[in-house]
Amino acid sequence: MILSMAFLVALFMMCTALVLCLWRLVLGPDMPDRVLALDTLYINTIALLVLLGVYYPSQVYFESAVVLAMCGFISTTAFLKYLLRGDIIE
C-alpha cells in the first residue's frame, strides 16, 4: 500500500518535471537554455524509466534508460558543439 502510494506520488512529480522541462524547451529565451532544458528532459525521462523499472520487475526499463542516457549525452554534446563552433564534424 505504501509502496504504491509512493510510486504514484513519484510518478506525478516526474511527470510534472517533464512538463516543466518541455515548457522551458518550447519557450526558452535563447538556444543554450533550450539545450539545457533538453538535457534535463533526458535526465527526467531516465529517472522515470528507472522508477518504472523498480515498480514493475522488468529489465527492459533499465536497458532503455541506459540507451537513452547514451543518446542524451551524445545529442547534448552535439548541440553544444554546434552552438560553440557552428559545425559538428570538423
Foldseek 3Di string as FASTA:
>chain_A
DVVVVVLVVVLVVLVVLLVVLVVCLVPPPDDVSNLVSLLSNLVSQLVNLVSVCVVDVDCVSVVVSVVSVVVSVVVSVQSVCCVVPVHRDD
